[in-house]
C-alpha atoms as a PDB file:
ATOM      1  CA  MET A   1      60.335 108.191 156.250  1.00  0.00           C
ATOM      2  CA  ALA A   2      62.911 105.635 156.947  1.00  0.00           C
ATOM      3  CA  GLU A   3      66.008 105.034 154.806  1.00  0.00           C
ATOM      4  CA  PRO A   4      65.164 101.969 152.204  1.00  0.00           C
ATOM      5  CA  LYS A   5      67.293  98.946 153.322  1.00  0.00           C
ATOM      6  CA  MET A   6      70.436  98.933 151.945  1.00  0.00           C
ATOM      7  CA  THR A   7      70.981  96.211 149.624  1.00  0.00           C
ATOM      8  CA  ALA A   8      73.774  95.424 146.895  1.00  0.00           C
ATOM      9  CA  HIS A   9      71.035  96.227 144.154  1.00  0.00           C
ATOM     10  CA  THR A  10      69.371  98.932 146.151  1.00  0.00           C
ATOM     11  CA  GLN A  11      73.115 100.451 146.294  1.00  0.00           C
ATOM     12  CA  GLU A  12      73.583  99.511 142.519  1.00  0.00           C
ATOM     13  CA  LEU A  13      70.197 101.209 141.582  1.00  0.00           C
ATOM     14  CA  LEU A  14      70.936 104.431 143.496  1.00  0.00           C
ATOM     15  CA  HIS A  15      74.324 104.359 141.604  1.00  0.00           C
ATOM     16  CA  VAL A  16      72.475 104.279 138.053  1.00  0.00           C
ATOM     17  CA  LEU A  17      69.711 106.600 139.547  1.00  0.00           C
ATOM     18  CA  LEU A  18      72.596 109.144 140.375  1.00  0.00           C
ATOM     19  CA  GLY A  19      74.064 108.938 136.824  1.00  0.00           C
ATOM     20  CA  ARG A  20      77.594 107.124 138.276  1.00  0.00           C
ATOM     21  CA  ARG A  21      76.768 104.200 135.749  1.00  0.00           C
ATOM     22  CA  THR A  22      75.745 106.438 132.173  1.00  0.00           C
ATOM     23  CA  GLY A  23      78.925 108.218 131.417  1.00  0.00           C
ATOM     24  CA  GLU A  24      79.379 111.798 132.039  1.00  0.00           C
ATOM     25  CA  GLY A  25      77.321 112.712 128.934  1.00  0.00           C
ATOM     26  CA  ARG A  26      74.491 111.438 130.633  1.00  0.00           C
ATOM     27  CA  ARG A  27      74.503 112.204 133.776  1.00  0.00           C
ATOM     28  CA  HIS A  28      72.336 115.517 133.571  1.00  0.00           C
ATOM     29  CA  GLU A  29      70.147 113.557 131.406  1.00  0.00           C
ATOM     30  CA  VAL A  30      69.003 110.744 134.023  1.00  0.00           C
ATOM     31  CA  LEU A  31      69.307 113.284 136.881  1.00  0.00           C
ATOM     32  CA  THR A  32      66.517 115.728 135.301  1.00  0.00           C
ATOM     33  CA  ARG A  33      64.652 113.433 133.090  1.00  0.00           C
ATOM     34  CA  GLY A  34      65.310 109.848 134.873  1.00  0.00           C
ATOM     35  CA  LEU A  35      65.531 106.597 133.245  1.00  0.00           C
ATOM     36  CA  TYR A  36      62.801 104.235 132.138  1.00  0.00           C
ATOM     37  CA  GLY A  37      63.060 100.835 133.395  1.00  0.00           C
ATOM     38  CA  LEU A  38      64.459  99.177 130.366  1.00  0.00           C
ATOM     39  CA  GLU A  39      67.162 101.244 130.461  1.00  0.00           C
ATOM     40  CA  LEU A  40      67.770 100.686 134.319  1.00  0.00           C
ATOM     41  CA  SER A  41      67.265  96.682 133.882  1.00  0.00           C
ATOM     42  CA  LYS A  42      70.058  97.397 130.829  1.00  0.00           C
ATOM     43  CA  ILE A  43      72.358  98.991 133.002  1.00  0.00           C
ATOM     44  CA  THR A  44      71.971  97.306 136.512  1.00  0.00           C
ATOM     45  CA  GLY A  45      72.160  94.119 135.203  1.00  0.00           C
ATOM     46  CA  LEU A  46      68.709  93.445 137.284  1.00  0.00           C
ATOM     47  CA  PRO A  47      65.886  91.276 135.942  1.00  0.00           C
ATOM     48  CA  ASN A  48      62.177  92.671 136.664  1.00  0.00           C
ATOM     49  CA  GLY A  49      61.564  90.536 139.514  1.00  0.00           C
ATOM     50  CA  THR A  50      64.359  92.388 141.168  1.00  0.00           C
ATOM     51  CA  LEU A  51      64.484  96.249 139.971  1.00  0.00           C
ATOM     52  CA  PHE A  52      60.580  96.567 140.277  1.00  0.00           C
ATOM     53  CA  PRO A  53      60.395  95.905 144.001  1.00  0.00           C
ATOM     54  CA  ALA A  54      63.844  97.340 144.863  1.00  0.00           C
ATOM     55  CA  LEU A  55      62.156 100.547 142.455  1.00  0.00           C
ATOM     56  CA  GLU A  56      58.819 100.740 144.990  1.00  0.00           C
ATOM     57  CA  ARG A  57      60.528 100.931 148.006  1.00  0.00           C
ATOM     58  CA  LEU A  58      62.711 103.535 147.034  1.00  0.00           C
ATOM     59  CA  ARG A  59      59.702 105.166 146.100  1.00  0.00           C
ATOM     60  CA  GLN A  60      57.962 104.327 149.318  1.00  0.00           C
ATOM     61  CA  ALA A  61      60.658 105.976 150.984  1.00  0.00           C
ATOM     62  CA  GLY A  62      60.140 108.968 149.558  1.00  0.00           C
ATOM     63  CA  TRP A  63      63.704 108.256 147.281  1.00  0.00           C
ATOM     64  CA  VAL A  64      62.494 107.970 143.865  1.00  0.00           C
ATOM     65  CA  GLU A  65      59.749 109.416 141.540  1.00  0.00           C
ATOM     66  CA  ARG A  66      58.126 107.924 138.916  1.00  0.00           C
ATOM     67  CA  TYR A  67      55.994 109.393 135.787  1.00  0.00           C
ATOM     68  CA  TRP A  68      54.628 108.287 132.464  1.00  0.00           C
ATOM     69  CA  GLU A  69      56.139 109.937 129.333  1.00  0.00           C
ATOM     70  CA  GLN A  70      53.369 111.685 127.278  1.00  0.00           C
ATOM     71  CA  ASP A  71      51.294 110.043 124.892  1.00  0.00           C
ATOM     72  CA  GLU A  72      52.553 112.369 122.087  1.00  0.00           C
ATOM     73  CA  VAL A  73      56.168 111.151 122.698  1.00  0.00           C
ATOM     74  CA  ALA A  74      55.369 107.513 122.404  1.00  0.00           C
ATOM     75  CA  GLU A  75      52.752 107.544 119.213  1.00  0.00           C
ATOM     76  CA  ALA A  76      55.599 109.421 117.437  1.00  0.00           C
ATOM     77  CA  GLU A  77      58.055 106.478 117.751  1.00  0.00           C
ATOM     78  CA  GLY A  78      55.222 104.259 117.203  1.00  0.00           C
ATOM     79  CA  ARG A  79      55.776 102.605 120.699  1.00  0.00           C
ATOM     80  CA  PRO A  80      54.336 102.253 123.799  1.00  0.00           C
ATOM     81  CA  ARG A  81      54.606 104.838 126.648  1.00  0.00           C
ATOM     82  CA  ARG A  82      57.580 104.881 129.152  1.00  0.00           C
ATOM     83  CA  ARG A  83      57.640 104.431 132.967  1.00  0.00           C
ATOM     84  CA  TYR A  84      60.120 106.491 134.446  1.00  0.00           C
ATOM     85  CA  PHE A  85      62.213 106.585 137.304  1.00  0.00           C
ATOM     86  CA  LYS A  86      64.029 109.509 138.849  1.00  0.00           C
ATOM     87  CA  LEU A  87      65.647 110.211 142.125  1.00  0.00           C
ATOM     88  CA  SER A  88      63.498 113.024 143.914  1.00  0.00           C
ATOM     89  CA  ALA A  89      65.036 115.710 145.908  1.00  0.00           C
ATOM     90  CA  GLN A  90      65.276 113.988 149.285  1.00  0.00           C
ATOM     91  CA  GLY A  91      66.928 111.175 146.996  1.00  0.00           C
ATOM     92  CA  ALA A  92      69.262 112.868 145.665  1.00  0.00           C
ATOM     93  CA  GLN A  93      70.356 114.243 148.915  1.00  0.00           C
ATOM     94  CA  ALA A  94      70.054 110.950 150.917  1.00  0.00           C
ATOM     95  CA  ALA A  95      71.538 108.877 148.590  1.00  0.00           C
ATOM     96  CA  PRO A  96      75.224 109.867 148.338  1.00  0.00           C
ATOM     97  CA  ALA A  97      75.314 109.859 152.175  1.00  0.00           C
ATOM     98  CA  ALA A  98      74.163 106.687 152.434  1.00  0.00           C
ATOM     99  CA  LEU A  99      75.798 105.169 150.086  1.00  0.00           C
ATOM    100  CA  VAL A 100      79.180 106.661 151.604  1.00  0.00           C
ATOM    101  CA  ARG A 101      77.811 105.290 155.117  1.00  0.00           C
ATOM    102  CA  VAL A 102      77.180 101.418 153.447  1.00  0.00           C
ATOM    103  CA  ALA A 103      80.517 101.164 151.984  1.00  0.00           C
ATOM    104  CA  ALA A 104      82.234 102.106 154.891  1.00  0.00           C
ATOM    105  CA  GLU A 105      80.496  99.798 157.058  1.00  0.00           C
ATOM    106  CA  GLY A 106      81.506  96.919 154.918  1.00  0.00           C
ATOM    107  CA  SER A 107      85.384  98.150 154.655  1.00  0.00           C
ATOM    108  CA  LEU A 108      85.094  97.675 158.664  1.00  0.00           C
ATOM    109  CA  LYS A 109      83.583  94.740 158.592  1.00  0.00           C
ATOM    110  CA  GLY A 110      86.096  93.432 156.097  1.00  0.00           C
ATOM    111  CA  ALA A 111      88.890  94.834 158.511  1.00  0.00           C
ATOM    112  CA  HIS A 112      87.622  92.992 161.439  1.00  0.00           C
ATOM    113  CA  ALA A 113      87.367  89.077 159.539  1.00  0.00           C
ATOM    114  CA  LEU A 114      90.888  89.562 159.048  1.00  0.00           C
ATOM    115  CA  ARG A 115      91.593  90.117 162.318  1.00  0.00           C
ATOM    116  CA  PRO A 116      93.395  86.908 164.632  1.00  0.00           C
ATOM    117  CA  GLY A 117      91.401  85.950 167.720  1.00  0.00           C
ATOM    118  CA  LEU A 118      88.027  87.377 166.297  1.00  0.00           C
ATOM    119  CA  ALA A 119      85.389  85.272 164.027  1.00  0.00           C
ATOM    120  CA  GLY A 120      86.362  84.687 160.557  1.00  0.00           C
ATOM    121  CA  GLY A 121      90.305  85.684 161.442  1.00  0.00           C
ATOM    122  CA  PHE A 122      92.960  83.359 161.764  1.00  0.00           C
END
């Protein structure tokens, strides 16, 4: 499948799903269990109308898996079931390289903008 469009929101979401924004103590949990929607929204700061379409694009690209938690867990805590999202094997392999590539492209664009004689230069 094609690589998803690497918007700033998608990049932030991938960083979180890679466990890079959750602290070392939770990294293993994030990579194995994933995070549910409200957790993702709180960590990324993205509203639902931005978060869930980005997650769906990542899912369609094969980079993210989603699943519902077991009924018994939610019932024991007296709340509705949560839908979890985690990187797929393909996403765990492709996301770090894509993030490095996008960061390198961004730094190259910034360097060209400051060179005399180029658009945006002085």
